[in-house]
Amino acid sequence: MVSGGIQAAGSLESHLFTLLAVFVIAGVVGTFTTKIVRIPYTVGLVLAGLAVSVLDLPLTTPLSNQLILLVILPTLIFQSAMNIDTEQLREDVVPILVLAVVGLVVSVAIVGVLGSQLLGLSVAVALLLGAIAMPTDPVSVVALFEDLGAPERLSVLTEGESILNDGVGIVLYSVLLSVLLEARVRDVTATELITPSLVVRDVGFGIVIAMVGGTFIGLVAGYVAYRLLILVDQPMTGIVFTVVLAYGVYVLAEHLDVSGVIAVLGAGLVVGTHGTRDAVSARTRLTLGTVWASAAFIANTVIFVAIGVATPLDLLERYAGEILVAVVLVFLARAVVVYPLVALLNRRFTSTIPRSYQHVIVWSGIHASVPIALVLGLPRSLPVALREELSAIVFGVAAVTLVVNGLTMGRLIERLGIVITSAAERRYELLMGRLHGVNAALAGAEELHERDDISAEIYENIDTRYTSQKRRLNRAISTLLDEHPHLREKEGLTAEAEVVRYEIVGIKAAMERGIVSTEVGNRLLEETERRLEHIDDSQYALETEDESHDET
């Protein structure tokens, strides 16, 4: 018992040392990337981890299938879902679903067919490699786009697709892996077991069940948590509720053989849309936002350093040729899928996806955390040589796409004219950010005063100080808008869009209460939504006029 206790203490000490080392690396990388060079923080973390691996420093990492899928992924997806623009997501749900489902299945097939020819793998193993490597990585995409400040619609398109295609990728991975294992038991080639009925039954129905089941669990659990948040409305309790929600729905969904990723997405969307925006106090809302943002930052830090440290450099060197072929295949499969599918979607829908956005969607195909989790989850019953080759290829693809795509993404977005932020726009954003902070502080102080948590004298001092700051900020914003009329036009369109959304909510409420009939209400909604579409089109045109020649 004593020796067991000593071993446990030693193991804990080792993990604490590793965690401390990770945060030291993160601090150095953060300083380096912000003060010395202009590279995304996440890419800097991976490079730092690779440096640790190259220098053979005594730092082990607990990178595993369970760490990524059970610990890291729910945190990042839930935080992203809480903050995603649900209106934009609703508008682009069709292209997101098409790219995530049809796009991933077709790209896996492309890797399977070409990979069997170019890599010397069987078709079944090449398909499994495609299912492992092709899911685009929400961990990497979300972090990278936050660093670059990508436009909202582009962020929603890529984040939404990357999250949903994880669910699809895991279904494909499970089906193809089970086929390989069954073939070994029956002593037949796996290709013999890949029949049309398997494709329809296990893949087709499997994807539908995983997505529908995950969505149902996430929405129901999210609504229950939303009602509890309204009932309690305490910051610390809210943190507990949302942590239990994020991890609980993931574990429950996976236990029921549906998509845990999509369940977390659904729960986060419900809580983010209702629970933290309308139903709870400013204090609870601020606390939840801060805690989940911090949790996501820590999760990102751990995963990116861990990927760099855990990259098997000896295997990468041994399979360098196969890795190069796989990188080209993965990029080719993504491009061959994205451009034709988006072209078809653009012919069917009025809200088209510009050519410049298509280039970024293709290049945002970073294949890191989720593919690594899947390859680390390969069972030991598979031949060692096969597991080593697949691990080398997947880690190699992850390293190349993280570093190369990550380092060049900012330049690509800049060259395409997607993010053009002038000094005036940056100052406007800074002033507006401060104004939102001051308004939140005033609301929080008033709430504390109403609950008698602070005295009237303290409240008056705080209110006077922040009200004075608010007046100064409003004057500075007004002066800036006078000097730069295009900023005023942008602000006007944004404000008008928000007001029209309130109008839509009011019409729906009147319909629910029977004040207006369904027929009249629907007509009013149509008129109002057309106005909103016109405003959104005007906003979009204003933001992308420099790239309009690239649109399809």
Protein backbone atom coordinates (compact mmCIF):
# COMPACT_ATOMS: atom_id res chain seq x y z
CA MET A 1 0.00 0.00 0.00
CA VAL A 2 2.82 2.37 0.88
CA SER A 3 4.68 1.70 -2.35
CA GLY A 4 1.44 2.12 -4.31
CA GLY A 5 0.88 5.47 -2.62
CA ILE A 6 4.43 6.56 -3.42
CA GLN A 7 3.98 5.55 -7.08
CA ALA A 8 0.70 7.46 -7.28
CA ALA A 9 2.33 10.53 -5.74
CA GLY A 10 5.22 10.25 -8.18
CA SER A 11 2.83 9.96 -11.11
CA LEU A 12 0.89 13.01 -9.92
CA GLU A 13 4.14 14.93 -9.47
CA SER A 14 5.18 14.00 -13.02
CA HIS A 15 1.86 15.22 -14.44
CA LEU A 16 2.08 18.47 -12.46
CA PHE A 17 5.62 19.03 -13.75
CA THR A 18 4.42 18.42 -17.32
CA LEU A 19 1.52 20.84 -16.87
CA LEU A 20 3.82 23.49 -15.39
CA ALA A 21 6.26 23.03 -18.28
CA VAL A 22 3.41 23.41 -20.79
CA PHE A 23 2.39 26.74 -19.26
CA VAL A 24 5.99 27.96 -19.15
CA ILE A 25 6.24 27.14 -22.86
CA ALA A 26 2.92 28.91 -23.43
CA GLY A 27 4.14 32.03 -21.64
CA VAL A 28 7.34 32.14 -23.68
CA VAL A 29 5.44 31.52 -26.92
CA GLY A 30 2.83 34.14 -26.06
CA THR A 31 5.51 36.76 -25.48
CA PHE A 32 7.44 35.72 -28.59
CA THR A 33 4.44 35.71 -30.94
CA THR A 34 3.00 39.01 -29.75
CA LYS A 35 6.19 41.01 -29.22
CA ILE A 36 8.69 39.65 -31.74
CA VAL A 37 7.10 37.81 -34.68
CA ARG A 38 3.62 37.86 -36.21
CA ILE A 39 2.52 34.23 -36.17
CA PRO A 40 -0.66 32.74 -34.70
CA TYR A 41 -0.31 31.78 -31.05
CA THR A 42 -1.50 28.23 -31.74
CA VAL A 43 1.12 27.68 -34.44
CA GLY A 44 3.76 29.00 -32.05
CA LEU A 45 2.69 26.42 -29.47
CA VAL A 46 3.02 23.56 -31.95
CA LEU A 47 6.46 24.77 -33.05
CA ALA A 48 7.53 25.04 -29.42
CA GLY A 49 6.32 21.49 -28.78
CA LEU A 50 8.20 20.25 -31.85
CA ALA A 51 11.33 22.03 -30.57
CA VAL A 52 11.01 20.14 -27.27
CA SER A 53 10.74 16.90 -29.25
CA VAL A 54 13.72 17.74 -31.51
CA LEU A 55 15.92 18.71 -28.55
CA ASP A 56 14.83 15.52 -26.76
CA LEU A 57 14.07 17.41 -23.56
CA PRO A 58 12.76 15.30 -20.64
CA LEU A 59 9.12 16.31 -21.07
CA THR A 60 6.50 13.61 -21.50
CA THR A 61 2.95 14.38 -22.55
CA PRO A 62 -0.20 12.42 -21.67
CA LEU A 63 -1.57 12.88 -25.21
CA SER A 64 -4.17 10.19 -25.81
CA ASN A 65 -7.43 9.44 -27.55
CA GLN A 66 -9.33 10.01 -24.28
CA LEU A 67 -7.58 13.30 -23.46
CA ILE A 68 -8.53 14.83 -26.79
CA LEU A 69 -12.04 13.43 -27.24
CA LEU A 70 -13.25 13.37 -23.62
CA VAL A 71 -11.45 16.37 -22.08
CA ILE A 72 -10.32 18.86 -24.72
CA LEU A 73 -13.00 18.60 -27.41
CA PRO A 74 -16.16 19.16 -25.28
CA THR A 75 -14.64 22.30 -23.75
CA LEU A 76 -13.72 23.86 -27.07
CA ILE A 77 -16.91 22.94 -28.90
CA PHE A 78 -19.17 24.11 -26.06
CA GLN A 79 -17.36 27.43 -25.72
CA SER A 80 -17.46 27.95 -29.47
CA ALA A 81 -21.17 27.04 -29.68
CA MET A 82 -22.05 29.45 -26.85
CA ASN A 83 -20.52 32.32 -28.79
CA ILE A 84 -21.37 31.44 -32.38
CA ASP A 85 -23.65 33.74 -34.37
CA THR A 86 -26.83 31.62 -34.45
CA GLU A 87 -28.52 33.86 -37.01
CA GLN A 88 -25.61 33.40 -39.39
CA LEU A 89 -25.51 29.68 -38.61
CA ARG A 90 -29.21 29.37 -39.47
CA GLU A 91 -28.69 31.19 -42.76
CA ASP A 92 -25.76 28.98 -43.78
CA VAL A 93 -26.96 25.65 -42.35
CA VAL A 94 -27.47 24.06 -45.78
CA PRO A 95 -23.94 24.69 -47.14
CA ILE A 96 -22.49 23.69 -43.77
CA LEU A 97 -24.39 20.38 -43.79
CA VAL A 98 -23.54 19.66 -47.42
CA LEU A 99 -19.83 20.31 -46.89
CA ALA A 100 -19.75 18.42 -43.59
CA VAL A 101 -21.65 15.31 -44.70
CA VAL A 102 -21.46 14.93 -48.48
CA GLY A 103 -18.10 16.65 -48.67
CA LEU A 104 -16.46 14.45 -46.05
CA VAL A 105 -17.84 11.17 -47.44
CA VAL A 106 -16.66 12.04 -50.97
CA SER A 107 -13.24 13.22 -49.78
CA VAL A 108 -12.74 9.99 -47.79
CA ALA A 109 -13.62 8.01 -50.91
CA ILE A 110 -11.08 10.02 -52.94
CA VAL A 111 -8.33 9.36 -50.39
CA GLY A 112 -9.32 5.69 -50.31
CA VAL A 113 -9.16 5.18 -54.07
CA LEU A 114 -6.03 7.25 -54.74
CA GLY A 115 -4.32 6.25 -51.50
CA SER A 116 -4.58 2.56 -52.36
CA GLN A 117 -2.75 3.27 -55.62
CA LEU A 118 -0.14 5.76 -54.42
CA LEU A 119 0.60 4.53 -50.88
CA GLY A 120 0.45 0.79 -51.52
CA LEU A 121 -2.35 0.30 -48.97
CA SER A 122 -5.40 -1.89 -49.40
CA VAL A 123 -8.56 -0.01 -50.35
CA ALA A 124 -10.07 -0.65 -46.90
CA VAL A 125 -7.00 0.64 -45.06
CA ALA A 126 -6.77 3.66 -47.38
CA LEU A 127 -10.44 4.42 -46.69
CA LEU A 128 -9.75 4.15 -42.95
CA LEU A 129 -6.83 6.56 -43.39
CA GLY A 130 -9.21 8.96 -45.16
CA ALA A 131 -11.77 8.68 -42.36
CA ILE A 132 -9.04 9.44 -39.81
CA ALA A 133 -7.25 12.23 -41.65
CA MET A 134 -10.00 14.11 -43.50
CA PRO A 135 -12.14 15.56 -40.65
CA THR A 136 -11.19 19.23 -40.37
CA ASP A 137 -10.27 20.19 -36.87
CA PRO A 138 -12.52 22.58 -34.90
CA VAL A 139 -9.84 22.92 -32.21
CA SER A 140 -7.36 24.28 -34.73
CA VAL A 141 -9.75 26.19 -37.00
CA VAL A 142 -11.52 28.05 -34.18
CA ALA A 143 -8.26 29.02 -32.49
CA LEU A 144 -6.66 30.15 -35.74
CA PHE A 145 -9.63 32.23 -36.88
CA GLU A 146 -9.85 33.92 -33.47
CA ASP A 147 -6.18 34.87 -33.80
CA LEU A 148 -6.71 36.28 -37.30
CA GLY A 149 -10.03 38.05 -36.63
CA ALA A 150 -11.78 36.43 -39.60
CA PRO A 151 -15.19 37.77 -40.75
CA GLU A 152 -18.19 36.35 -38.89
CA ARG A 153 -19.73 34.53 -41.84
CA LEU A 154 -16.46 32.89 -42.82
CA SER A 155 -15.88 31.83 -39.21
CA VAL A 156 -19.37 30.34 -38.93
CA LEU A 157 -19.01 28.44 -42.22
CA THR A 158 -15.66 26.89 -41.32
CA GLU A 159 -16.40 26.32 -37.62
CA GLY A 160 -19.80 24.80 -38.34
CA GLU A 161 -18.43 22.48 -41.01
CA SER A 162 -15.43 21.42 -38.95
CA ILE A 163 -17.57 20.57 -35.91
CA LEU A 164 -20.23 18.65 -37.85
CA ASN A 165 -17.82 16.68 -40.00
CA ASP A 166 -16.18 15.34 -36.85
CA GLY A 167 -19.42 13.50 -36.09
CA VAL A 168 -19.50 12.14 -39.63
CA GLY A 169 -15.80 11.25 -39.55
CA ILE A 170 -16.16 9.30 -36.30
CA VAL A 171 -19.04 7.26 -37.80
CA LEU A 172 -16.97 6.45 -40.91
CA TYR A 173 -13.97 5.61 -38.72
CA SER A 174 -16.03 3.25 -36.54
CA VAL A 175 -17.60 1.44 -39.52
CA LEU A 176 -14.34 1.01 -41.45
CA LEU A 177 -12.39 -0.05 -38.36
CA SER A 178 -15.02 -2.68 -37.52
CA VAL A 179 -14.78 -3.98 -41.10
CA LEU A 180 -10.99 -4.32 -40.81
CA LEU A 181 -11.24 -6.11 -37.47
CA GLU A 182 -13.97 -8.45 -38.73
CA ALA A 183 -11.90 -9.27 -41.81
CA ARG A 184 -8.98 -10.29 -39.58
CA VAL A 185 -11.24 -12.55 -37.53
CA ARG A 186 -12.79 -14.18 -40.63
CA ASP A 187 -9.43 -14.30 -42.45
CA VAL A 188 -10.73 -12.53 -45.55
CA THR A 189 -9.79 -9.26 -47.23
CA ALA A 190 -11.60 -6.24 -45.81
CA THR A 191 -12.50 -5.09 -49.33
CA GLU A 192 -14.75 -8.16 -49.68
CA LEU A 193 -16.85 -6.93 -46.75
CA ILE A 194 -17.37 -3.40 -48.14
CA THR A 195 -20.69 -3.94 -49.93
CA PRO A 196 -23.41 -1.52 -51.10
CA SER A 197 -25.61 -2.66 -48.21
CA LEU A 198 -22.84 -1.80 -45.73
CA VAL A 199 -22.45 1.64 -47.28
CA VAL A 200 -26.20 2.33 -47.09
CA ARG A 201 -26.95 0.63 -43.78
CA ASP A 202 -23.89 1.30 -41.65
CA VAL A 203 -22.58 4.50 -43.20
CA GLY A 204 -25.76 6.22 -44.42
CA PHE A 205 -28.05 5.31 -41.54
CA GLY A 206 -25.17 5.58 -39.09
CA ILE A 207 -24.54 9.20 -40.04
CA VAL A 208 -28.25 10.09 -39.86
CA ILE A 209 -28.73 8.40 -36.48
CA ALA A 210 -25.55 9.93 -35.05
CA MET A 211 -26.53 13.45 -36.14
CA VAL A 212 -30.24 13.30 -35.29
CA GLY A 213 -29.64 11.53 -31.97
CA GLY A 214 -26.84 13.89 -30.98
CA THR A 215 -28.92 16.93 -31.92
CA PHE A 216 -31.92 15.69 -29.91
CA ILE A 217 -29.87 14.96 -26.78
CA GLY A 218 -28.03 18.29 -27.02
CA LEU A 219 -31.16 20.40 -27.55
CA VAL A 220 -33.14 18.71 -24.77
CA ALA A 221 -30.29 18.84 -22.25
CA GLY A 222 -29.49 22.41 -23.28
CA TYR A 223 -33.10 23.48 -22.71
CA VAL A 224 -33.15 21.85 -19.26
CA ALA A 225 -29.92 23.65 -18.35
CA TYR A 226 -31.36 26.91 -19.72
CA ARG A 227 -34.41 26.59 -17.43
CA LEU A 228 -32.16 25.81 -14.45
CA LEU A 229 -30.01 28.86 -15.21
CA ILE A 230 -33.14 31.03 -15.15
CA LEU A 231 -34.28 29.45 -11.89
CA VAL A 232 -30.99 29.80 -9.99
CA ASP A 233 -29.12 32.64 -11.73
CA GLN A 234 -25.97 32.36 -9.61
CA PRO A 235 -22.54 32.59 -11.28
CA MET A 236 -20.88 29.66 -9.49
CA THR A 237 -23.92 27.41 -9.87
CA GLY A 238 -24.12 28.41 -13.52
CA ILE A 239 -20.53 27.25 -14.02
CA VAL A 240 -21.36 23.88 -12.44
CA PHE A 241 -24.50 23.49 -14.59
CA THR A 242 -22.68 24.27 -17.83
CA VAL A 243 -19.68 22.03 -17.05
CA VAL A 244 -22.01 19.13 -16.24
CA LEU A 245 -23.98 19.93 -19.39
CA ALA A 246 -20.98 20.01 -21.75
CA TYR A 247 -19.37 16.82 -20.49
CA GLY A 248 -22.61 15.06 -19.55
CA VAL A 249 -24.21 15.30 -22.99
CA TYR A 250 -20.97 14.17 -24.64
CA VAL A 251 -20.65 11.07 -22.46
CA LEU A 252 -24.39 10.28 -22.68
CA ALA A 253 -24.48 10.64 -26.45
CA GLU A 254 -21.39 8.47 -26.95
CA HIS A 255 -22.86 5.86 -24.58
CA LEU A 256 -26.01 5.77 -26.74
CA ASP A 257 -23.89 5.45 -29.93
CA VAL A 258 -24.80 8.86 -31.31
CA SER A 259 -22.56 11.87 -31.89
CA GLY A 260 -21.22 13.42 -28.70
CA VAL A 261 -19.69 16.25 -30.73
CA ILE A 262 -23.06 17.25 -32.18
CA ALA A 263 -24.75 16.84 -28.79
CA VAL A 264 -22.31 19.34 -27.24
CA LEU A 265 -22.83 21.69 -30.19
CA GLY A 266 -26.63 21.58 -29.75
CA ALA A 267 -26.43 22.13 -26.00
CA GLY A 268 -24.01 25.04 -26.40
CA LEU A 269 -26.21 26.68 -29.03
CA VAL A 270 -29.29 26.54 -26.77
CA VAL A 271 -27.49 27.88 -23.70
CA GLY A 272 -25.62 30.51 -25.69
CA THR A 273 -28.71 31.73 -27.54
CA HIS A 274 -31.09 31.81 -24.57
CA GLY A 275 -29.45 30.98 -21.25
CA THR A 276 -26.58 33.46 -21.23
CA ARG A 277 -27.96 36.22 -23.46
CA ASP A 278 -31.48 36.85 -22.23
CA ALA A 279 -32.31 34.78 -19.18
CA VAL A 280 -29.56 35.48 -16.65
CA SER A 281 -28.10 38.52 -14.95
CA ALA A 282 -25.14 40.45 -16.28
CA ARG A 283 -22.99 39.10 -13.45
CA THR A 284 -23.75 35.45 -14.29
CA ARG A 285 -23.37 36.10 -18.00
CA LEU A 286 -19.97 37.74 -17.52
CA THR A 287 -18.73 34.98 -15.19
CA LEU A 288 -19.78 32.18 -17.54
CA GLY A 289 -18.21 33.90 -20.52
CA THR A 290 -14.93 34.51 -18.69
CA VAL A 291 -14.69 30.99 -17.23
CA TRP A 292 -15.42 29.22 -20.51
CA ALA A 293 -13.07 31.50 -22.45
CA SER A 294 -10.32 30.70 -19.91
CA ALA A 295 -11.08 26.97 -20.08
CA ALA A 296 -10.90 27.05 -23.88
CA PHE A 297 -7.59 28.94 -23.76
CA ILE A 298 -6.10 26.37 -21.36
CA ALA A 299 -7.41 23.48 -23.47
CA ASN A 300 -5.93 25.00 -26.62
CA THR A 301 -2.60 25.54 -24.90
CA VAL A 302 -2.39 21.96 -23.63
CA ILE A 303 -3.43 20.30 -26.90
CA PHE A 304 -1.17 22.28 -29.23
CA VAL A 305 1.94 21.93 -27.08
CA ALA A 306 1.13 18.24 -26.55
CA ILE A 307 0.77 17.61 -30.30
CA GLY A 308 4.19 19.13 -30.91
CA VAL A 309 5.86 17.20 -28.08
CA ALA A 310 4.19 13.87 -28.97
CA THR A 311 4.98 14.01 -32.70
CA PRO A 312 7.05 10.85 -33.44
CA LEU A 313 9.98 12.38 -35.31
CA ASP A 314 11.64 9.02 -36.00
CA LEU A 315 8.47 7.72 -37.67
CA LEU A 316 8.09 10.96 -39.63
CA GLU A 317 11.59 10.52 -41.00
CA ARG A 318 11.01 6.85 -41.86
CA TYR A 319 7.72 7.53 -43.67
CA ALA A 320 8.61 10.93 -45.16
CA GLY A 321 7.66 9.88 -48.70
CA GLU A 322 4.28 8.49 -47.65
CA ILE A 323 3.58 11.62 -45.60
CA LEU A 324 4.31 13.88 -48.57
CA VAL A 325 1.94 11.86 -50.78
CA ALA A 326 -0.74 11.90 -48.06
CA VAL A 327 -0.48 15.68 -47.61
CA VAL A 328 -1.02 16.20 -51.34
CA LEU A 329 -3.91 13.71 -51.34
CA VAL A 330 -5.63 15.35 -48.38
CA PHE A 331 -5.34 18.82 -49.89
CA LEU A 332 -6.45 17.59 -53.32
CA ALA A 333 -9.46 15.74 -51.89
CA ARG A 334 -10.55 18.84 -49.98
CA ALA A 335 -10.21 21.12 -53.00
CA VAL A 336 -11.97 18.68 -55.35
CA VAL A 337 -14.90 18.52 -52.92
CA VAL A 338 -15.26 22.16 -51.81
CA TYR A 339 -15.19 24.01 -55.14
CA PRO A 340 -17.78 21.88 -57.02
CA LEU A 341 -20.13 21.58 -54.04
CA VAL A 342 -20.06 25.32 -53.36
CA ALA A 343 -20.58 26.03 -57.08
CA LEU A 344 -23.72 23.85 -57.00
CA LEU A 345 -24.94 25.55 -53.81
CA ASN A 346 -24.35 29.00 -55.30
CA ARG A 347 -26.62 28.09 -58.23
CA ARG A 348 -29.43 27.03 -55.88
CA PHE A 349 -29.30 29.77 -53.24
CA THR A 350 -29.31 33.55 -53.46
CA SER A 351 -26.85 33.97 -50.57
CA THR A 352 -23.75 32.81 -52.43
CA ILE A 353 -20.37 31.96 -50.97
CA PRO A 354 -17.72 34.21 -52.60
CA ARG A 355 -14.78 32.62 -54.40
CA SER A 356 -12.42 34.22 -51.89
CA TYR A 357 -14.25 32.46 -49.05
CA GLN A 358 -14.00 29.17 -50.94
CA HIS A 359 -10.21 29.51 -51.10
CA VAL A 360 -10.07 30.04 -47.34
CA ILE A 361 -12.44 27.13 -46.64
CA VAL A 362 -10.15 24.84 -48.64
CA TRP A 363 -7.00 26.16 -46.94
CA SER A 364 -8.59 26.00 -43.48
CA GLY A 365 -8.57 22.21 -43.80
CA ILE A 366 -6.29 21.73 -40.80
CA HIS A 367 -6.25 18.07 -39.80
CA ALA A 368 -4.76 17.87 -36.31
CA SER A 369 -6.44 17.18 -32.97
CA VAL A 370 -9.36 14.96 -34.02
CA PRO A 371 -7.37 12.92 -36.58
CA ILE A 372 -4.64 12.41 -33.97
CA ALA A 373 -7.24 11.29 -31.42
CA LEU A 374 -8.65 8.77 -33.90
CA VAL A 375 -5.27 7.32 -34.87
CA LEU A 376 -4.26 7.06 -31.21
CA GLY A 377 -7.47 5.09 -30.65
CA LEU A 378 -6.54 2.32 -33.10
CA PRO A 379 -6.73 -1.04 -31.27
CA ARG A 380 -3.58 -3.01 -30.54
CA SER A 381 -5.06 -6.01 -32.36
CA LEU A 382 -4.08 -4.30 -35.63
CA PRO A 383 -0.55 -5.10 -36.85
CA VAL A 384 2.14 -2.92 -35.27
CA ALA A 385 3.58 -1.95 -38.66
CA LEU A 386 0.16 -0.76 -39.87
CA ARG A 387 -0.45 1.28 -36.73
CA GLU A 388 3.00 2.85 -37.01
CA GLU A 389 2.49 3.78 -40.66
CA LEU A 390 -0.96 5.29 -40.07
CA SER A 391 0.32 7.17 -36.99
CA ALA A 392 3.28 8.56 -38.92
CA ILE A 393 1.08 9.70 -41.81
CA VAL A 394 -1.57 11.30 -39.58
CA PHE A 395 0.97 13.07 -37.34
CA GLY A 396 2.81 14.21 -40.46
CA VAL A 397 -0.35 15.60 -42.07
CA ALA A 398 -1.22 17.29 -38.77
CA ALA A 399 2.22 18.91 -38.46
CA VAL A 400 2.26 20.13 -42.07
CA THR A 401 -1.29 21.52 -42.11
CA LEU A 402 -0.93 23.14 -38.69
CA VAL A 403 2.36 24.83 -39.47
CA VAL A 404 2.11 25.54 -43.21
CA ASN A 405 -1.60 26.38 -43.40
CA GLY A 406 -1.47 28.11 -40.03
CA LEU A 407 1.47 30.32 -40.96
CA THR A 408 0.07 31.23 -44.39
CA MET A 409 -3.62 31.65 -43.50
CA GLY A 410 -3.22 35.26 -42.42
CA ARG A 411 -1.34 36.14 -45.61
CA LEU A 412 -3.99 34.39 -47.72
CA ILE A 413 -6.85 36.27 -46.04
CA GLU A 414 -4.94 39.52 -46.46
CA ARG A 415 -4.17 38.85 -50.16
CA LEU A 416 -7.82 38.00 -50.83
CA GLY A 417 -8.91 41.27 -49.21
CA ILE A 418 -11.23 39.51 -46.77
CA VAL A 419 -10.00 41.27 -43.64
CA ILE A 420 -9.12 44.88 -44.34
CA THR A 421 -8.92 46.67 -41.02
CA SER A 422 -7.83 50.30 -41.14
CA ALA A 423 -6.43 52.21 -38.18
CA ALA A 424 -9.81 53.99 -37.87
CA GLU A 425 -11.67 50.67 -37.79
CA ARG A 426 -9.32 49.29 -35.16
CA ARG A 427 -9.81 52.41 -33.03
CA TYR A 428 -13.59 52.19 -33.49
CA GLU A 429 -13.50 48.54 -32.42
CA LEU A 430 -11.38 49.45 -29.38
CA LEU A 431 -13.73 52.25 -28.32
CA MET A 432 -16.82 50.09 -28.82
CA GLY A 433 -15.23 47.29 -26.82
CA ARG A 434 -14.51 49.68 -23.96
CA LEU A 435 -18.05 51.06 -24.16
CA HIS A 436 -19.53 47.57 -23.90
CA GLY A 437 -17.30 46.92 -20.90
CA VAL A 438 -18.38 50.15 -19.20
CA ASN A 439 -22.06 49.38 -19.84
CA ALA A 440 -21.62 45.90 -18.37
CA ALA A 441 -19.90 47.40 -15.32
CA LEU A 442 -22.75 49.90 -14.81
CA ALA A 443 -25.34 47.12 -15.11
CA GLY A 444 -23.38 44.92 -12.71
CA ALA A 445 -23.01 47.72 -10.15
CA GLU A 446 -26.74 48.46 -10.31
CA GLU A 447 -27.51 44.79 -9.79
CA LEU A 448 -25.19 44.62 -6.76
CA HIS A 449 -26.81 47.75 -5.33
CA GLU A 450 -30.34 46.40 -5.81
CA ARG A 451 -29.36 43.22 -3.95
CA ASP A 452 -27.81 45.31 -1.16
CA ASP A 453 -24.40 43.75 -1.80
CA ILE A 454 -22.82 47.22 -1.85
CA SER A 455 -23.74 50.40 -0.01
CA ALA A 456 -25.45 53.36 -1.68
CA GLU A 457 -22.33 55.51 -1.25
CA ILE A 458 -20.06 52.97 -2.96
CA TYR A 459 -22.61 52.48 -5.73
CA GLU A 460 -22.87 56.24 -6.38
CA ASN A 461 -19.08 56.55 -6.59
CA ILE A 462 -18.87 53.67 -9.07
CA ASP A 463 -21.84 54.94 -11.07
CA THR A 464 -20.40 58.47 -11.28
CA ARG A 465 -16.97 57.24 -12.38
CA TYR A 466 -18.25 54.83 -15.04
CA THR A 467 -20.91 57.24 -16.29
CA SER A 468 -18.17 59.82 -16.83
CA GLN A 469 -16.14 57.22 -18.77
CA LYS A 470 -19.21 56.40 -20.84
CA ARG A 471 -19.71 60.07 -21.80
CA ARG A 472 -16.06 60.39 -22.85
CA LEU A 473 -16.24 57.21 -24.91
CA ASN A 474 -19.45 58.32 -26.63
CA ARG A 475 -17.84 61.67 -27.52
CA ALA A 476 -14.76 59.93 -28.91
CA ILE A 477 -16.93 57.55 -30.96
CA SER A 478 -19.02 60.42 -32.29
CA THR A 479 -15.89 62.34 -33.35
CA LEU A 480 -14.47 59.24 -35.04
CA LEU A 481 -17.72 58.63 -36.95
CA ASP A 482 -17.76 62.26 -38.12
CA GLU A 483 -14.22 61.87 -39.44
CA HIS A 484 -14.94 58.50 -41.12
CA PRO A 485 -18.46 58.39 -42.63
CA HIS A 486 -18.12 54.76 -43.79
CA LEU A 487 -17.88 53.70 -40.14
CA ARG A 488 -21.12 55.55 -39.42
CA GLU A 489 -22.75 53.69 -42.33
CA LYS A 490 -21.58 50.36 -40.93
CA GLU A 491 -22.82 51.23 -37.45
CA GLY A 492 -26.16 52.36 -38.84
CA LEU A 493 -26.68 49.11 -40.73
CA THR A 494 -25.70 47.03 -37.70
CA ALA A 495 -28.07 48.95 -35.43
CA GLU A 496 -30.90 48.79 -37.96
CA ALA A 497 -30.47 45.02 -38.31
CA GLU A 498 -30.67 44.56 -34.53
CA VAL A 499 -33.81 46.71 -34.32
CA VAL A 500 -35.49 44.72 -37.11
CA ARG A 501 -34.66 41.48 -35.27
CA TYR A 502 -36.47 42.87 -32.21
CA GLU A 503 -39.37 43.69 -34.52
CA ILE A 504 -39.49 40.06 -35.68
CA VAL A 505 -39.52 38.86 -32.06
CA GLY A 506 -42.41 41.24 -31.33
CA ILE A 507 -44.46 39.99 -34.29
CA LYS A 508 -43.92 36.37 -33.26
CA ALA A 509 -44.97 37.20 -29.69
CA ALA A 510 -48.14 38.88 -31.00
CA MET A 511 -48.92 35.76 -33.05
CA GLU A 512 -48.41 33.48 -30.03
CA ARG A 513 -50.75 35.63 -27.90
CA GLY A 514 -53.41 35.72 -30.62
CA ILE A 515 -53.19 39.48 -31.13
CA VAL A 516 -52.70 38.93 -34.87
CA SER A 517 -53.79 35.94 -36.95
CA THR A 518 -51.33 33.44 -38.37
CA GLU A 519 -52.01 34.68 -41.91
CA VAL A 520 -51.40 38.34 -41.07
CA GLY A 521 -48.45 37.47 -38.84
CA ASN A 522 -46.76 35.41 -41.55
CA ARG A 523 -47.22 38.25 -44.03
CA LEU A 524 -45.69 40.71 -41.57
CA LEU A 525 -42.82 38.32 -40.89
CA GLU A 526 -42.14 37.93 -44.62
CA GLU A 527 -42.03 41.70 -45.08
CA THR A 528 -39.81 42.21 -42.04
CA GLU A 529 -37.44 39.37 -42.93
CA ARG A 530 -37.08 40.78 -46.46
CA ARG A 531 -36.05 44.08 -44.91
CA LEU A 532 -33.54 42.26 -42.71
CA GLU A 533 -32.13 40.41 -45.73
CA HIS A 534 -31.77 43.73 -47.55
CA ILE A 535 -29.89 45.21 -44.57
CA ASP A 536 -27.66 42.13 -44.31
CA ASP A 537 -26.93 42.31 -48.04
CA SER A 538 -26.00 45.98 -47.65
CA GLN A 539 -23.69 45.13 -44.74
CA TYR A 540 -22.09 42.33 -46.70
CA ALA A 541 -21.61 44.51 -49.78
CA LEU A 542 -20.03 47.23 -47.66
CA GLU A 543 -17.60 44.77 -46.06
CA THR A 544 -16.66 42.90 -49.24
CA GLU A 545 -16.79 45.51 -51.99
CA ASP A 546 -13.04 45.13 -52.53
CA GLU A 547 -13.44 41.41 -53.28
CA SER A 548 -16.67 41.51 -55.28
CA HIS A 549 -14.81 40.68 -58.49
CA ASP A 550 -13.92 37.29 -56.98
CA GLU A 551 -17.50 36.21 -56.29
CA THR A 552 -19.05 33.42 -58.27
